Protein backbone atom coordinates (compact mmCIF):
# COMPACT_ATOMS: atom_id res chain seq x y z
CA MET A 1 0.00 0.00 0.00
CA ILE A 2 1.23 3.48 -0.90
CA ILE A 3 0.20 6.23 1.55
CA ARG A 4 -0.14 9.75 0.21
CA GLN A 5 -1.96 12.99 0.89
CA TYR A 6 -5.53 13.40 -0.36
CA LYS A 7 -6.05 15.09 -3.75
CA LYS A 8 -9.29 16.69 -4.96
CA ALA A 9 -9.58 13.92 -7.57
CA ASP A 10 -9.95 11.42 -4.68
CA GLU A 11 -13.26 12.87 -3.45
CA ALA A 12 -15.60 10.24 -4.97
CA ALA A 13 -13.35 7.32 -3.95
CA VAL A 14 -13.04 8.65 -0.39
CA TRP A 15 -16.83 9.01 -0.14
CA ALA A 16 -17.33 5.45 -1.42
CA LEU A 17 -14.70 4.10 1.01
CA HIS A 18 -16.33 5.93 3.93
CA ASN A 19 -19.67 4.24 3.29
CA ALA A 20 -18.32 0.82 2.29
CA ALA A 21 -16.20 0.57 5.44
CA LEU A 22 -18.70 2.02 7.93
CA VAL A 23 -21.93 0.24 6.95
CA PRO A 24 -20.77 -3.28 7.98
CA THR A 25 -19.76 -2.05 11.47
CA GLY A 26 -23.33 -1.26 12.46
CA ALA A 27 -22.17 2.25 13.38
CA HIS A 28 -23.38 4.09 10.26
CA ALA A 29 -26.09 6.62 11.10
CA GLY A 30 -26.80 7.11 7.40
CA ASN A 31 -25.43 9.95 5.33
CA GLY A 32 -26.21 13.42 6.60
CA PRO A 33 -24.73 16.80 7.47
CA TRP A 34 -22.35 15.07 9.90
CA ASP A 35 -20.50 13.84 6.80
CA ASP A 36 -20.10 17.26 5.16
CA ASP A 37 -16.39 17.35 6.04
CA LEU A 38 -15.79 14.63 3.43
CA HIS A 39 -17.00 17.02 0.74
CA HIS A 40 -14.66 19.80 1.97
CA ILE A 41 -11.45 17.99 2.88
CA PRO A 42 -9.00 20.74 1.84
CA GLU A 43 -10.88 23.36 3.87
CA ILE A 44 -11.63 21.20 6.94
CA TYR A 45 -8.40 19.22 7.23
CA LEU A 46 -5.54 20.51 5.09
CA SER A 47 -5.78 24.33 5.17
CA PRO A 48 -6.10 24.58 8.99
CA GLY A 49 -2.85 22.64 9.44
CA GLY A 50 -4.13 19.07 9.64
CA GLU A 51 -3.75 16.12 7.30
CA PHE A 52 -5.81 13.68 5.24
CA LEU A 53 -4.07 10.52 4.04
CA VAL A 54 -5.20 7.82 1.66
CA GLY A 55 -3.76 4.34 1.18
CA VAL A 56 -3.63 3.11 -2.41
CA VAL A 57 -3.30 -0.47 -3.67
CA GLU A 58 -3.18 -0.99 -7.42
CA LYS A 59 -4.64 2.50 -8.10
CA GLU A 60 -7.57 1.93 -5.69
CA ILE A 61 -8.01 3.89 -2.46
CA VAL A 62 -8.45 1.17 0.16
CA ALA A 63 -7.69 3.05 3.40
CA MET A 64 -7.85 6.56 4.79
CA GLY A 65 -7.46 8.64 7.92
CA ALA A 66 -7.21 12.28 8.90
CA LEU A 67 -5.93 14.73 11.48
CA LYS A 68 -8.25 17.61 12.29
CA ARG A 69 -6.37 20.30 14.18
CA ILE A 70 -8.36 21.55 17.17
CA SER A 71 -5.65 23.73 18.76
CA PRO A 72 -1.97 24.47 18.10
CA THR A 73 -0.92 21.27 19.92
CA ARG A 74 -4.03 19.03 19.69
CA ALA A 75 -5.59 17.16 16.80
CA GLU A 76 -8.42 14.72 16.41
CA VAL A 77 -7.91 11.48 14.46
CA LYS A 78 -10.87 11.27 12.10
CA ARG A 79 -12.27 9.16 9.27
CA MET A 80 -10.17 6.05 9.84
CA ARG A 81 -11.50 3.58 7.28
CA VAL A 82 -10.29 0.44 5.48
CA LEU A 83 -12.27 -1.35 2.78
CA PRO A 84 -13.67 -4.55 4.29
CA ARG A 85 -11.85 -6.85 1.84
CA HIS A 86 -8.54 -5.22 2.85
CA GLN A 87 -9.08 -5.27 6.62
CA ARG A 88 -6.78 -7.23 8.91
CA GLN A 89 -3.81 -6.67 6.59
CA GLY A 90 -2.17 -3.88 8.60
CA PHE A 91 -3.50 -1.01 6.50
CA GLY A 92 -5.29 0.71 9.39
CA GLN A 93 -2.12 0.38 11.48
CA ALA A 94 -0.06 1.91 8.66
CA ILE A 95 -2.44 4.87 8.27
CA LEU A 96 -2.51 5.48 12.03
CA ARG A 97 1.30 5.30 12.26
CA SER A 98 1.61 7.76 9.36
CA LEU A 99 -0.88 10.13 11.02
CA GLU A 100 1.10 10.04 14.26
CA THR A 101 4.33 10.78 12.39
CA ARG A 102 2.68 13.65 10.55
CA ALA A 103 1.20 15.00 13.81
CA ARG A 104 4.68 15.18 15.34
CA GLU A 105 5.95 16.99 12.23
CA LEU A 106 3.10 19.50 12.63
CA GLY A 107 3.97 20.13 16.29
CA ILE A 108 0.94 18.28 17.62
CA SER A 109 1.56 16.66 20.99
CA THR A 110 -1.89 15.25 21.83
CA LEU A 111 -4.20 13.15 19.69
CA CYS A 112 -7.79 12.37 20.55
CA LEU A 113 -10.46 10.39 18.77
CA ASP A 114 -13.79 8.71 19.24
CA THR A 115 -15.35 5.48 18.10
CA THR A 116 -18.48 3.55 18.94
CA THR A 117 -18.80 0.52 21.16
CA GLN A 118 -19.83 -1.47 18.05
CA GLN A 119 -16.43 -0.85 16.43
CA GLU A 120 -14.44 -3.35 18.50
CA PRO A 121 -11.57 -3.79 15.97
CA ALA A 122 -11.08 0.00 15.98
CA GLN A 123 -11.01 0.06 19.78
CA ALA A 124 -8.39 -2.70 19.77
CA LEU A 125 -6.25 -0.81 17.24
CA TYR A 126 -6.31 2.37 19.29
CA ARG A 127 -5.57 0.63 22.58
CA LYS A 128 -2.72 -1.35 20.99
CA ASN A 129 -1.23 1.96 19.86
CA GLY A 130 -1.27 3.59 23.28
CA PHE A 131 -4.57 5.46 23.22
CA ARG A 132 -6.37 5.45 26.55
CA GLU A 133 -10.08 5.75 27.15
CA VAL A 134 -11.00 9.12 28.69
CA GLY A 135 -14.80 9.02 28.60
CA ARG A 136 -18.03 7.74 27.11
CA ARG A 137 -21.23 9.40 26.02
CA GLN A 138 -24.48 8.39 24.38
CA GLN A 139 -24.93 10.07 20.98
CA GLY A 140 -28.26 9.16 19.47
CA ALA A 141 -28.37 5.39 19.07
CA PHE A 142 -24.63 4.98 19.68
CA GLU A 143 -22.46 4.80 22.77
CA VAL A 144 -19.30 6.68 21.87
CA ILE A 145 -15.91 6.01 23.47
CA PHE A 146 -13.38 8.85 23.62
CA PHE A 147 -9.65 8.12 23.51
CA GLU A 148 -6.54 10.25 23.93
CA LYS A 149 -2.79 9.82 23.44
CA GLU A 150 0.15 12.03 24.32
CA LEU A 151 2.74 11.90 21.54
CA ARG A 152 5.49 13.12 23.84
CA GLU A 153 5.66 13.22 27.59
CA PRO A 154 4.59 16.56 29.07
CA ALA A 155 7.01 18.28 31.47
CA LEU A 156 4.59 17.76 34.36
CA PRO A 157 1.83 15.18 34.12
CA ALA A 158 -1.58 16.83 34.07
CA TYR A 159 -4.16 15.54 36.53
CA ARG A 160 -7.38 14.33 34.92
CA ARG A 161 -10.35 12.92 36.78
CA PRO A 162 -11.27 9.46 35.51
CA GLY A 163 -13.86 9.98 32.76
CA ALA A 164 -13.13 13.73 32.51
CA ALA A 165 -13.60 15.44 29.17
CA SER A 166 -10.67 15.13 26.78
CA GLY A 167 -11.33 18.20 24.68
CA CYS A 168 -12.66 15.96 21.90
CA ARG A 169 -16.38 16.54 22.28
CA VAL A 170 -16.94 14.24 25.25
């Protein structure tokens, strides 16, 4: 798999991947305004100092993931997807690793993300990569789990109540 930055020509393939990968998880709320970022990737992710990566196998986009900057030192991992027929081949791991590398290059020291309780493989991936659960919340029909990871050790560890908000919409 070749990992590269999103190009405008990728828009239709990214949209198709989003739906193809999310529907089988049982965590797809249907398409709606909550998906508008996928139609404005340069403005939402790239221009504000984030990133949007795609993984390509034989000219087909089979994986993707993004960094959405939420402050000078914090970013949210978003839109992690792998086509079902390419899952369990390390592509999600490769995208996540590339996003972490890019975050460090951008001066981001904290990553946060959310996933649903239905998405057990995603939870396992994040935990395996050092993300820790920082809260849960019901959003419509879904229970959402919030995760966070420090990319470098802070000078003084910050105290956080168990289950306290992470800054990622808990």
